[in-house]
Amino acid sequence: MVVFVYGYCDQRDCFYCPLGENRKNVTDVYANERQVEKDQDLIEEAERMDALGASLTGGEPQEVMDRTTRYISLLKDEFGEDFHTHLYTGITGGRENMRRLAAAGLDEIRFHPPFEQWGDLHGTEWEDILYVAREEGITPAFEIPGIRAEPEFLEFLDEGAADFCNVNEFEMSQGNFRRMQQEGFELREGHMSAVEDTRAEILDVMGDHERVYFCTSVFKDAAQHRRRLKRMARTIRRPFDEITDDGTLVYGKTTAEPGRFEALGVPEDFYTVKSEHVEVAWWLLEEMVDEGDLEEGEIVEQYPTVEGTVVERTPVA
């Protein structure tokens, strides 16, 4: 589960920040696509996707640490110590915050130092906090955007200061497109988000290290997001819902009278009655329309998220 904790960054203004309008400079909290208005929303979203852990991220102020500490405690209390939590943060936080996060049950912390300081992190608070986090019982690591190769991160790994370094493929989004262009970056030809190739240098310099992990934009968009949707779909699906390869749910919908299904002897597991329509197995809907048992309906494909966004409607008549 991805928990977005906070949208303000008081200390930084990164030109590559990918946040869109609904996340940037807001105090709202989101668990996946669900807005968290009360603690129970967080628990329900974790249950909805049968989550095994949570990645917490967003913003820089102390508010992030305060909220993160509370949410970690909440999740660990609800789901047990095996529920893995990690924090992705652009601030060092200091020992007291590391102590609080450790007490709450944070397993791992991934630091994102300012791009302007890359190559000069030794002897700064960014080096110190790696050792402080470990001393407090939290696994320290780096997670950085793939802007360019930086050997200093390999030095931290070899020195034992950080356990690993995740490098995310550099991307352009609706939130950063204009500023990225001003900095001279362009989209890779034929790709929706990846920047014109920064990978080659990064992989050449950093790719052979056994504790550097390169995450492509395709993997993040297709694999990670799709897996999360599939977990949700498996958890909430009804007996007649079909789960697609993309993690969406497919079913039939008709405004026919519910009594029509009972009269035809349709098993209760194959349909459910709503206030103004009936939802039914899509293949059964097609069969009933073909045989003249129903006049019309539609096949609906929707996301298994709490909003239930509809992807496609296909009329059946």
Protein backbone atom coordinates (compact mmCIF):
# COMPACT_ATOMS: atom_id res chain seq x y z
CA MET A 1 0.00 0.00 0.00
CA VAL A 2 1.26 3.47 -0.89
CA VAL A 3 0.55 6.13 1.73
CA PHE A 4 0.98 9.75 0.64
CA VAL A 5 1.36 11.68 3.88
CA TYR A 6 1.81 15.35 2.98
CA GLY A 7 2.18 17.58 -0.08
CA TYR A 8 4.22 20.58 1.09
CA CYS A 9 8.00 20.92 0.78
CA ASP A 10 9.20 23.91 2.80
CA GLN A 11 12.93 23.40 2.24
CA ARG A 12 13.11 22.30 -1.39
CA ASP A 13 11.75 23.11 -4.83
CA CYS A 14 12.92 20.22 -7.04
CA PHE A 15 12.40 20.88 -10.74
CA TYR A 16 11.76 17.17 -11.25
CA CYS A 17 9.03 16.78 -8.60
CA PRO A 18 6.39 14.59 -10.31
CA LEU A 19 3.45 15.48 -8.05
CA GLY A 20 0.26 16.53 -9.80
CA GLU A 21 -2.19 19.23 -8.72
CA ASN A 22 -4.13 16.95 -6.39
CA ARG A 23 -0.99 16.05 -4.40
CA LYS A 24 1.32 19.05 -4.57
CA ASN A 25 1.02 21.69 -1.82
CA VAL A 26 -1.86 19.94 -0.08
CA THR A 27 -2.23 18.62 3.45
CA ASP A 28 -4.40 15.71 2.35
CA VAL A 29 -3.44 12.11 3.06
CA TYR A 30 -4.00 9.31 0.53
CA ALA A 31 -3.77 5.54 0.87
CA ASN A 32 -3.38 4.37 -2.72
CA GLU A 33 -6.16 6.31 -4.50
CA ARG A 34 -8.34 6.69 -1.38
CA GLN A 35 -8.31 9.99 0.51
CA VAL A 36 -7.75 9.32 4.21
CA GLU A 37 -10.09 11.42 6.34
CA LYS A 38 -9.96 9.23 9.43
CA ASP A 39 -7.65 6.50 10.67
CA GLN A 40 -10.12 3.76 9.79
CA ASP A 41 -9.79 4.70 6.10
CA LEU A 42 -6.13 3.66 6.25
CA ILE A 43 -7.01 0.30 7.81
CA GLU A 44 -9.83 -0.35 5.35
CA GLU A 45 -7.61 0.37 2.36
CA ALA A 46 -4.95 -2.01 3.65
CA GLU A 47 -7.62 -4.67 4.11
CA ARG A 48 -9.09 -3.93 0.69
CA MET A 49 -5.85 -4.92 -1.03
CA ASP A 50 -4.74 -7.50 1.56
CA ALA A 51 -1.58 -5.42 1.96
CA LEU A 52 1.62 -6.99 3.28
CA GLY A 53 3.24 -3.62 3.97
CA ALA A 54 3.15 0.11 3.37
CA SER A 55 5.40 2.66 1.68
CA LEU A 56 4.98 6.13 3.19
CA THR A 57 6.06 9.29 1.39
CA GLY A 58 5.35 12.95 0.77
CA GLY A 59 6.59 16.42 1.68
CA GLU A 60 9.30 17.60 4.02
CA PRO A 61 8.06 19.40 7.16
CA GLN A 62 7.96 17.98 10.66
CA GLU A 63 4.31 17.24 9.93
CA VAL A 64 5.50 14.32 7.80
CA MET A 65 7.36 12.75 10.69
CA ASP A 66 4.46 13.27 13.10
CA ARG A 67 1.88 11.76 10.79
CA THR A 68 4.18 8.98 9.64
CA THR A 69 4.91 7.91 13.20
CA ARG A 70 1.20 7.73 14.00
CA TYR A 71 0.31 5.81 10.85
CA ILE A 72 3.10 3.28 11.33
CA SER A 73 1.95 2.61 14.90
CA LEU A 74 -1.61 2.24 13.69
CA LEU A 75 -0.71 -0.25 10.96
CA LYS A 76 1.63 -2.29 13.13
CA ASP A 77 -0.97 -2.50 15.91
CA GLU A 78 -3.63 -3.61 13.45
CA PHE A 79 -1.68 -6.04 11.28
CA GLY A 80 1.25 -7.12 13.45
CA GLU A 81 5.02 -6.77 13.37
CA ASP A 82 5.36 -8.68 10.08
CA PHE A 83 3.60 -5.82 8.28
CA HIS A 84 6.59 -4.17 6.56
CA THR A 85 6.83 -0.38 6.55
CA HIS A 86 9.31 1.93 4.86
CA LEU A 87 9.52 5.70 4.63
CA TYR A 88 10.76 7.63 1.60
CA THR A 89 11.82 11.10 2.73
CA GLY A 90 13.65 14.19 1.55
CA ILE A 91 14.65 15.34 5.05
CA THR A 92 17.14 13.89 7.49
CA GLY A 93 14.90 14.25 10.52
CA GLY A 94 17.53 13.94 13.26
CA ARG A 95 18.01 11.38 16.03
CA GLU A 96 14.84 12.14 17.97
CA ASN A 97 12.70 11.51 14.90
CA MET A 98 14.60 8.30 14.11
CA ARG A 99 13.99 7.19 17.68
CA ARG A 100 10.26 7.93 17.40
CA LEU A 101 9.97 6.19 14.03
CA ALA A 102 11.81 3.14 15.35
CA ALA A 103 9.58 2.99 18.42
CA ALA A 104 6.54 3.14 16.13
CA GLY A 105 7.89 0.16 14.17
CA LEU A 106 9.42 1.64 11.00
CA ASP A 107 11.50 -1.08 9.34
CA GLU A 108 13.34 0.87 6.65
CA ILE A 109 14.03 4.48 5.68
CA ARG A 110 15.03 5.60 2.17
CA PHE A 111 16.63 9.03 1.93
CA HIS A 112 16.46 11.31 -1.09
CA PRO A 113 19.17 13.99 -0.68
CA PRO A 114 18.87 17.22 -2.71
CA PHE A 115 20.22 16.81 -6.24
CA GLU A 116 22.39 19.89 -5.76
CA GLN A 117 24.35 18.09 -3.02
CA TRP A 118 25.03 14.84 -4.88
CA GLY A 119 28.73 14.14 -4.80
CA ASP A 120 29.28 16.22 -1.65
CA LEU A 121 27.21 14.29 0.90
CA HIS A 122 30.10 12.95 2.96
CA GLY A 123 30.65 14.92 6.15
CA THR A 124 27.10 16.30 6.09
CA GLU A 125 23.90 15.51 7.95
CA TRP A 126 23.03 13.07 5.15
CA GLU A 127 25.96 10.86 6.08
CA ASP A 128 25.32 11.22 9.80
CA ILE A 129 21.66 10.24 9.58
CA LEU A 130 22.47 6.91 7.93
CA TYR A 131 24.40 5.81 11.01
CA VAL A 132 21.86 7.35 13.39
CA ALA A 133 18.99 5.45 11.74
CA ARG A 134 20.90 2.18 11.96
CA GLU A 135 21.78 2.80 15.61
CA GLU A 136 18.07 3.27 16.33
CA GLY A 137 17.19 0.00 14.60
CA ILE A 138 16.01 1.25 11.18
CA THR A 139 17.55 -0.03 7.93
CA PRO A 140 19.01 3.01 6.09
CA ALA A 141 19.07 3.29 2.30
CA PHE A 142 18.92 5.76 -0.58
CA GLU A 143 16.20 6.16 -3.18
CA ILE A 144 16.98 8.64 -5.93
CA PRO A 145 15.67 9.66 -9.36
CA GLY A 146 17.87 8.57 -12.25
CA ILE A 147 19.00 12.07 -13.22
CA ARG A 148 22.64 11.03 -13.65
CA ALA A 149 25.15 8.51 -12.34
CA GLU A 150 26.67 9.37 -8.95
CA PRO A 151 29.57 7.22 -7.65
CA GLU A 152 29.29 8.69 -4.16
CA PHE A 153 26.21 6.56 -3.49
CA LEU A 154 28.31 3.48 -4.22
CA GLU A 155 30.85 4.68 -1.67
CA PHE A 156 28.15 4.84 1.01
CA LEU A 157 27.16 1.27 0.17
CA ASP A 158 30.74 -0.01 0.32
CA GLU A 159 31.36 1.80 3.59
CA GLY A 160 28.36 0.07 5.16
CA ALA A 161 26.51 3.33 5.78
CA ALA A 162 23.56 2.45 3.54
CA ASP A 163 22.15 -1.00 2.81
CA PHE A 164 21.08 -0.34 -0.79
CA CYS A 165 20.32 2.35 -3.35
CA ASN A 166 17.17 2.36 -5.46
CA VAL A 167 17.45 4.33 -8.69
CA ASN A 168 14.11 5.21 -10.31
CA GLU A 169 14.09 5.83 -14.03
CA PHE A 170 13.90 9.59 -14.62
CA GLU A 171 10.39 10.57 -15.66
CA MET A 172 8.39 13.52 -16.89
CA SER A 173 4.85 13.97 -15.63
CA GLN A 174 2.04 16.47 -15.96
CA GLY A 175 3.28 18.04 -12.75
CA ASN A 176 6.90 18.62 -13.84
CA PHE A 177 6.80 18.64 -17.65
CA ARG A 178 7.34 22.36 -18.18
CA ARG A 179 10.18 22.72 -15.67
CA MET A 180 11.87 19.57 -16.96
CA GLN A 181 11.87 21.01 -20.47
CA GLN A 182 13.37 24.22 -19.14
CA GLU A 183 16.20 22.13 -17.70
CA GLY A 184 16.82 20.58 -21.11
CA PHE A 185 15.14 17.20 -20.65
CA GLU A 186 12.84 15.66 -23.27
CA LEU A 187 10.62 12.59 -23.42
CA ARG A 188 12.11 9.47 -24.90
CA GLU A 189 10.65 8.79 -28.34
CA GLY A 190 7.68 6.45 -28.19
CA HIS A 191 7.41 6.62 -24.38
CA MET A 192 4.74 8.27 -22.24
CA SER A 193 6.89 9.31 -19.29
CA ALA A 194 10.56 8.21 -19.43
CA VAL A 195 13.13 10.92 -20.12
CA GLU A 196 15.42 10.76 -23.16
CA ASP A 197 18.04 8.27 -22.23
CA THR A 198 19.74 8.86 -18.91
CA ARG A 199 19.87 5.12 -18.26
CA ALA A 200 23.01 4.24 -20.18
CA GLU A 201 25.39 6.29 -18.03
CA ILE A 202 23.67 5.24 -14.79
CA LEU A 203 23.80 1.56 -15.63
CA ASP A 204 27.38 1.85 -16.85
CA VAL A 205 28.59 3.50 -13.64
CA MET A 206 26.25 2.06 -11.02
CA GLY A 207 24.54 -0.94 -12.58
CA ASP A 208 27.11 -3.59 -11.66
CA HIS A 209 26.88 -2.96 -7.92
CA GLU A 210 24.99 -5.79 -6.24
CA ARG A 211 23.03 -3.43 -3.99
CA VAL A 212 21.94 -0.91 -6.62
CA TYR A 213 18.47 -1.56 -7.99
CA PHE A 214 17.22 0.20 -11.11
CA CYS A 215 13.44 0.55 -11.36
CA THR A 216 12.14 1.31 -14.84
CA SER A 217 9.09 3.49 -15.40
CA VAL A 218 7.41 0.57 -17.19
CA PHE A 219 7.86 -1.63 -14.13
CA LYS A 220 6.46 1.03 -11.79
CA ASP A 221 3.48 1.82 -13.99
CA ALA A 222 2.66 -1.61 -15.33
CA ALA A 223 3.91 -4.14 -12.82
CA GLN A 224 3.66 -2.46 -9.42
CA HIS A 225 0.37 -0.66 -10.08
CA ARG A 226 -1.15 -3.72 -11.77
CA ARG A 227 -0.14 -6.00 -8.90
CA ARG A 228 -1.76 -3.65 -6.41
CA LEU A 229 -4.99 -3.61 -8.45
CA LYS A 230 -4.99 -7.39 -8.74
CA ARG A 231 -4.62 -7.76 -4.98
CA MET A 232 -7.59 -5.44 -4.50
CA ALA A 233 -9.62 -7.24 -7.13
CA ARG A 234 -9.01 -10.66 -5.58
CA THR A 235 -10.05 -9.34 -2.18
CA ILE A 236 -13.29 -7.60 -3.15
CA ARG A 237 -14.49 -9.61 -6.15
CA ARG A 238 -17.90 -11.19 -6.04
CA PRO A 239 -18.38 -14.78 -7.29
CA PHE A 240 -19.49 -13.54 -10.72
CA ASP A 241 -16.87 -10.80 -11.23
CA GLU A 242 -14.08 -11.55 -13.69
CA ILE A 243 -10.59 -10.18 -13.00
CA THR A 244 -8.67 -9.04 -16.10
CA ASP A 245 -4.92 -9.14 -16.63
CA ASP A 246 -4.87 -5.41 -15.81
CA GLY A 247 -6.51 -5.96 -12.42
CA THR A 248 -9.89 -4.51 -13.41
CA LEU A 249 -13.25 -6.14 -12.67
CA VAL A 250 -15.77 -7.06 -15.40
CA TYR A 251 -19.46 -7.76 -14.84
CA GLY A 252 -22.84 -7.26 -16.51
CA LYS A 253 -25.45 -4.65 -15.64
CA THR A 254 -29.14 -4.45 -16.54
CA THR A 255 -32.25 -2.54 -15.45
CA ALA A 256 -34.41 -5.66 -15.76
CA GLU A 257 -36.65 -6.47 -12.81
CA PRO A 258 -34.88 -8.61 -10.18
CA GLY A 259 -37.81 -11.00 -10.20
CA ARG A 260 -36.92 -11.92 -13.75
CA PHE A 261 -33.72 -13.59 -12.56
CA GLU A 262 -35.52 -15.52 -9.86
CA ALA A 263 -38.19 -16.65 -12.31
CA LEU A 264 -35.53 -17.92 -14.70
CA GLY A 265 -33.84 -19.86 -11.91
CA VAL A 266 -30.57 -17.92 -11.98
CA PRO A 267 -28.46 -18.99 -8.96
CA GLU A 268 -28.00 -16.22 -6.37
CA ASP A 269 -24.20 -16.39 -6.75
CA PHE A 270 -24.51 -15.18 -10.35
CA TYR A 271 -26.14 -11.80 -9.69
CA THR A 272 -26.79 -9.14 -7.07
CA VAL A 273 -29.63 -6.63 -6.81
CA LYS A 274 -28.83 -2.92 -6.52
CA SER A 275 -31.26 -0.06 -5.82
CA GLU A 276 -31.92 0.71 -9.50
CA HIS A 277 -30.34 -2.16 -11.45
CA VAL A 278 -29.03 -5.71 -11.29
CA GLU A 279 -25.38 -6.71 -11.64
CA VAL A 280 -24.74 -10.13 -13.10
CA ALA A 281 -22.00 -12.29 -14.60
CA TRP A 282 -21.14 -10.67 -17.94
CA TRP A 283 -21.26 -13.91 -19.90
CA LEU A 284 -24.63 -14.77 -18.42
CA LEU A 285 -25.97 -11.35 -19.39
CA GLU A 286 -24.85 -11.93 -22.99
CA GLU A 287 -26.44 -15.38 -23.00
CA MET A 288 -29.74 -14.11 -21.57
CA VAL A 289 -29.96 -11.29 -24.11
CA ASP A 290 -29.07 -13.64 -26.99
CA GLU A 291 -31.84 -16.05 -25.93
CA GLY A 292 -34.40 -13.29 -25.49
CA ASP A 293 -34.67 -13.63 -21.70
CA LEU A 294 -33.55 -9.99 -21.30
CA GLU A 295 -33.91 -7.08 -23.70
CA GLU A 296 -30.63 -5.30 -23.05
CA GLY A 297 -27.82 -4.48 -20.67
CA GLU A 298 -24.16 -3.53 -20.68
CA ILE A 299 -20.81 -5.05 -19.80
CA VAL A 300 -18.91 -2.88 -17.32
CA GLU A 301 -15.17 -2.84 -16.69
CA GLN A 302 -14.02 -0.88 -13.63
CA TYR A 303 -11.12 -0.44 -11.25
CA PRO A 304 -11.34 -2.24 -7.90
CA THR A 305 -10.41 1.00 -6.09
CA VAL A 306 -12.71 2.59 -3.55
CA GLU A 307 -13.96 5.07 -6.18
CA GLY A 308 -14.71 2.22 -8.58
CA THR A 309 -13.79 4.25 -11.66
CA VAL A 310 -15.38 2.76 -14.78
CA VAL A 311 -12.94 2.03 -17.60
CA GLU A 312 -15.37 0.92 -20.29
CA ARG A 313 -19.05 0.21 -20.94
CA THR A 314 -20.11 -2.12 -23.77
CA PRO A 315 -23.83 -2.23 -24.69
CA VAL A 316 -25.45 -5.65 -25.05
CA ALA A 317 -28.72 -5.80 -26.96
